[in-house]
Amino acid sequence: MTIQLEGLTQKDIEICNLLWNCDSVEAVDAMVAAMPAAYKRRAVVLRELMTAAALDNVDTVNEELAQYLQHIASR
């Protein structure tokens, strides 16, 4: 899965890469908890943006799949 976030600073991109490379929600939570206070708040916001972007992708795929299945059923 790929997501796209726009308007990020270089530091935001580095934080997102750290979070993206975690292999579980628990690992993401641990990564955020271990960050210095200066980055922690931003990491929480970025985590939420990444989650929202991923959910948008799922919604788009579900809509496209539903349309495709409806097209097949109408034949």
N, C-alpha and C. Protein backbone atom coordinates (compact mmCIF):
# COMPACT_ATOMS: atom_id res chain seq x y z
N MET A 1 0.85 -1.17 0.00
CA MET A 1 0.00 0.00 0.00
C MET A 1 0.89 1.23 0.00
N THR A 2 0.48 2.21 -0.74
CA THR A 2 1.19 3.49 -0.72
C THR A 2 0.20 4.57 -0.31
N ILE A 3 0.74 5.57 0.35
CA ILE A 3 -0.06 6.74 0.70
C ILE A 3 0.73 7.96 0.30
N GLN A 4 0.04 9.08 0.17
CA GLN A 4 0.71 10.31 -0.20
C GLN A 4 0.26 11.42 0.75
N LEU A 5 1.23 12.04 1.39
CA LEU A 5 0.98 13.20 2.24
C LEU A 5 1.74 14.37 1.63
N GLU A 6 1.10 15.51 1.55
CA GLU A 6 1.73 16.67 0.93
C GLU A 6 2.05 17.73 1.97
N GLY A 7 3.05 18.55 1.65
CA GLY A 7 3.40 19.67 2.51
C GLY A 7 4.23 19.31 3.72
N LEU A 8 4.90 18.16 3.67
CA LEU A 8 5.70 17.73 4.81
C LEU A 8 7.09 18.36 4.76
N THR A 9 7.63 18.64 5.92
CA THR A 9 9.02 19.08 6.01
C THR A 9 9.93 17.86 5.92
N GLN A 10 11.21 18.10 5.78
CA GLN A 10 12.16 16.98 5.74
C GLN A 10 12.10 16.20 7.06
N LYS A 11 11.98 16.88 8.18
CA LYS A 11 11.88 16.21 9.49
C LYS A 11 10.60 15.37 9.55
N ASP A 12 9.47 15.90 9.02
CA ASP A 12 8.22 15.14 8.97
C ASP A 12 8.41 13.85 8.17
N ILE A 13 9.10 13.95 7.05
CA ILE A 13 9.33 12.78 6.20
C ILE A 13 10.15 11.74 6.95
N GLU A 14 11.16 12.20 7.68
CA GLU A 14 11.98 11.27 8.46
C GLU A 14 11.14 10.57 9.54
N ILE A 15 10.28 11.32 10.21
CA ILE A 15 9.41 10.73 11.23
C ILE A 15 8.46 9.73 10.59
N CYS A 16 7.86 10.09 9.47
CA CYS A 16 6.94 9.19 8.77
C CYS A 16 7.65 7.90 8.36
N ASN A 17 8.87 8.01 7.86
CA ASN A 17 9.62 6.82 7.47
C ASN A 17 9.86 5.92 8.67
N LEU A 18 10.21 6.50 9.81
CA LEU A 18 10.40 5.70 11.02
C LEU A 18 9.11 4.96 11.40
N LEU A 19 8.00 5.68 11.37
CA LEU A 19 6.72 5.09 11.74
C LEU A 19 6.29 4.03 10.72
N TRP A 20 6.48 4.32 9.44
CA TRP A 20 6.05 3.41 8.37
C TRP A 20 6.80 2.08 8.44
N ASN A 21 8.06 2.14 8.88
CA ASN A 21 8.88 0.94 8.93
C ASN A 21 8.58 0.05 10.14
N CYS A 22 7.76 0.51 11.05
CA CYS A 22 7.36 -0.32 12.18
C CYS A 22 6.44 -1.43 11.67
N ASP A 23 6.52 -2.59 12.30
CA ASP A 23 5.73 -3.72 11.80
C ASP A 23 4.47 -4.02 12.61
N SER A 24 4.15 -3.15 13.57
CA SER A 24 2.91 -3.32 14.32
C SER A 24 2.50 -1.99 14.94
N VAL A 25 1.25 -1.93 15.36
CA VAL A 25 0.76 -0.73 16.04
C VAL A 25 1.52 -0.53 17.35
N GLU A 26 1.82 -1.63 18.00
CA GLU A 26 2.58 -1.54 19.26
C GLU A 26 3.97 -0.96 19.02
N ALA A 27 4.59 -1.34 17.91
CA ALA A 27 5.91 -0.81 17.58
C ALA A 27 5.84 0.68 17.28
N VAL A 28 4.77 1.10 16.59
CA VAL A 28 4.58 2.53 16.33
C VAL A 28 4.41 3.27 17.65
N ASP A 29 3.57 2.74 18.52
CA ASP A 29 3.36 3.39 19.83
C ASP A 29 4.66 3.49 20.61
N ALA A 30 5.46 2.42 20.58
CA ALA A 30 6.74 2.43 21.28
C ALA A 30 7.70 3.45 20.66
N MET A 31 7.70 3.54 19.34
CA MET A 31 8.56 4.50 18.65
C MET A 31 8.19 5.93 19.05
N VAL A 32 6.90 6.22 19.03
CA VAL A 32 6.43 7.56 19.40
C VAL A 32 6.78 7.85 20.86
N ALA A 33 6.57 6.89 21.74
CA ALA A 33 6.85 7.08 23.16
C ALA A 33 8.33 7.35 23.41
N ALA A 34 9.20 6.77 22.59
CA ALA A 34 10.64 6.93 22.77
C ALA A 34 11.19 8.23 22.18
N MET A 35 10.37 8.93 21.42
CA MET A 35 10.85 10.16 20.77
C MET A 35 10.99 11.29 21.79
N PRO A 36 11.93 12.19 21.52
CA PRO A 36 12.04 13.38 22.36
C PRO A 36 10.74 14.19 22.29
N ALA A 37 10.45 14.90 23.35
CA ALA A 37 9.20 15.67 23.43
C ALA A 37 9.02 16.59 22.23
N ALA A 38 10.10 17.14 21.72
CA ALA A 38 10.02 18.07 20.59
C ALA A 38 9.44 17.41 19.34
N TYR A 39 9.59 16.09 19.22
CA TYR A 39 9.09 15.38 18.04
C TYR A 39 7.83 14.59 18.32
N LYS A 40 7.58 14.29 19.57
CA LYS A 40 6.48 13.39 19.93
C LYS A 40 5.13 13.90 19.46
N ARG A 41 4.84 15.18 19.71
CA ARG A 41 3.54 15.73 19.30
C ARG A 41 3.36 15.66 17.79
N ARG A 42 4.43 16.01 17.07
CA ARG A 42 4.36 15.97 15.61
C ARG A 42 4.20 14.54 15.12
N ALA A 43 4.87 13.60 15.77
CA ALA A 43 4.76 12.19 15.38
C ALA A 43 3.34 11.68 15.55
N VAL A 44 2.67 12.12 16.61
CA VAL A 44 1.27 11.70 16.82
C VAL A 44 0.39 12.24 15.69
N VAL A 45 0.59 13.49 15.32
CA VAL A 45 -0.20 14.09 14.23
C VAL A 45 0.08 13.36 12.92
N LEU A 46 1.35 13.10 12.65
CA LEU A 46 1.70 12.40 11.41
C LEU A 46 1.14 10.99 11.38
N ARG A 47 1.17 10.30 12.53
CA ARG A 47 0.59 8.95 12.61
C ARG A 47 -0.90 9.00 12.26
N GLU A 48 -1.59 10.00 12.77
CA GLU A 48 -3.02 10.12 12.47
C GLU A 48 -3.26 10.45 11.00
N LEU A 49 -2.42 11.31 10.41
CA LEU A 49 -2.54 11.62 8.99
C LEU A 49 -2.28 10.38 8.13
N MET A 50 -1.28 9.61 8.51
CA MET A 50 -0.97 8.39 7.77
C MET A 50 -2.12 7.39 7.87
N THR A 51 -2.71 7.27 9.05
CA THR A 51 -3.85 6.37 9.23
C THR A 51 -5.02 6.82 8.38
N ALA A 52 -5.31 8.11 8.37
CA ALA A 52 -6.43 8.64 7.58
C ALA A 52 -6.19 8.41 6.09
N ALA A 53 -4.96 8.62 5.63
CA ALA A 53 -4.64 8.41 4.22
C ALA A 53 -4.79 6.94 3.85
N ALA A 54 -4.37 6.04 4.73
CA ALA A 54 -4.52 4.61 4.47
C ALA A 54 -5.99 4.22 4.41
N LEU A 55 -6.79 4.78 5.30
CA LEU A 55 -8.24 4.48 5.29
C LEU A 55 -8.89 5.02 4.03
N ASP A 56 -8.45 6.17 3.56
CA ASP A 56 -8.97 6.70 2.29
C ASP A 56 -8.69 5.74 1.16
N ASN A 57 -7.49 5.15 1.15
CA ASN A 57 -7.16 4.16 0.11
C ASN A 57 -8.08 2.96 0.19
N VAL A 58 -8.35 2.48 1.39
CA VAL A 58 -9.24 1.33 1.56
C VAL A 58 -10.64 1.67 1.06
N ASP A 59 -11.14 2.86 1.41
CA ASP A 59 -12.47 3.27 0.94
C ASP A 59 -12.52 3.32 -0.58
N THR A 60 -11.48 3.85 -1.21
CA THR A 60 -11.43 3.94 -2.66
C THR A 60 -11.44 2.55 -3.29
N VAL A 61 -10.64 1.65 -2.75
CA VAL A 61 -10.59 0.28 -3.27
C VAL A 61 -11.94 -0.39 -3.09
N ASN A 62 -12.57 -0.22 -1.94
CA ASN A 62 -13.88 -0.82 -1.71
C ASN A 62 -14.92 -0.29 -2.68
N GLU A 63 -14.90 1.02 -2.94
CA GLU A 63 -15.85 1.61 -3.89
C GLU A 63 -15.62 1.07 -5.30
N GLU A 64 -14.35 1.01 -5.71
CA GLU A 64 -14.04 0.50 -7.05
C GLU A 64 -14.44 -0.97 -7.18
N LEU A 65 -14.19 -1.74 -6.15
CA LEU A 65 -14.57 -3.16 -6.16
C LEU A 65 -16.09 -3.31 -6.22
N ALA A 66 -16.81 -2.52 -5.46
CA ALA A 66 -18.27 -2.58 -5.48
C ALA A 66 -18.81 -2.23 -6.87
N GLN A 67 -18.24 -1.22 -7.50
CA GLN A 67 -18.67 -0.84 -8.85
C GLN A 67 -18.38 -1.96 -9.85
N TYR A 68 -17.22 -2.56 -9.72
CA TYR A 68 -16.84 -3.65 -10.62
C TYR A 68 -17.77 -4.84 -10.45
N LEU A 69 -18.06 -5.20 -9.20
CA LEU A 69 -18.96 -6.32 -8.94
C LEU A 69 -20.37 -6.02 -9.44
N GLN A 70 -20.80 -4.80 -9.28
CA GLN A 70 -22.13 -4.41 -9.78
C GLN A 70 -22.16 -4.52 -11.30
N HIS A 71 -21.09 -4.11 -11.95
CA HIS A 71 -21.01 -4.21 -13.41
C HIS A 71 -21.09 -5.68 -13.85
N ILE A 72 -20.39 -6.56 -13.15
CA ILE A 72 -20.43 -7.99 -13.47
C ILE A 72 -21.84 -8.55 -13.25
N ALA A 73 -22.46 -8.17 -12.14
CA ALA A 73 -23.79 -8.69 -11.81
C ALA A 73 -24.85 -8.21 -12.79
N SER A 74 -24.63 -7.07 -13.42
CA SER A 74 -25.65 -6.52 -14.32
C SER A 74 -25.56 -7.11 -15.72
N ARG A 75 -24.62 -7.99 -15.97
CA ARG A 75 -24.48 -8.60 -17.32
C ARG A 75 -25.54 -9.59 -17.60
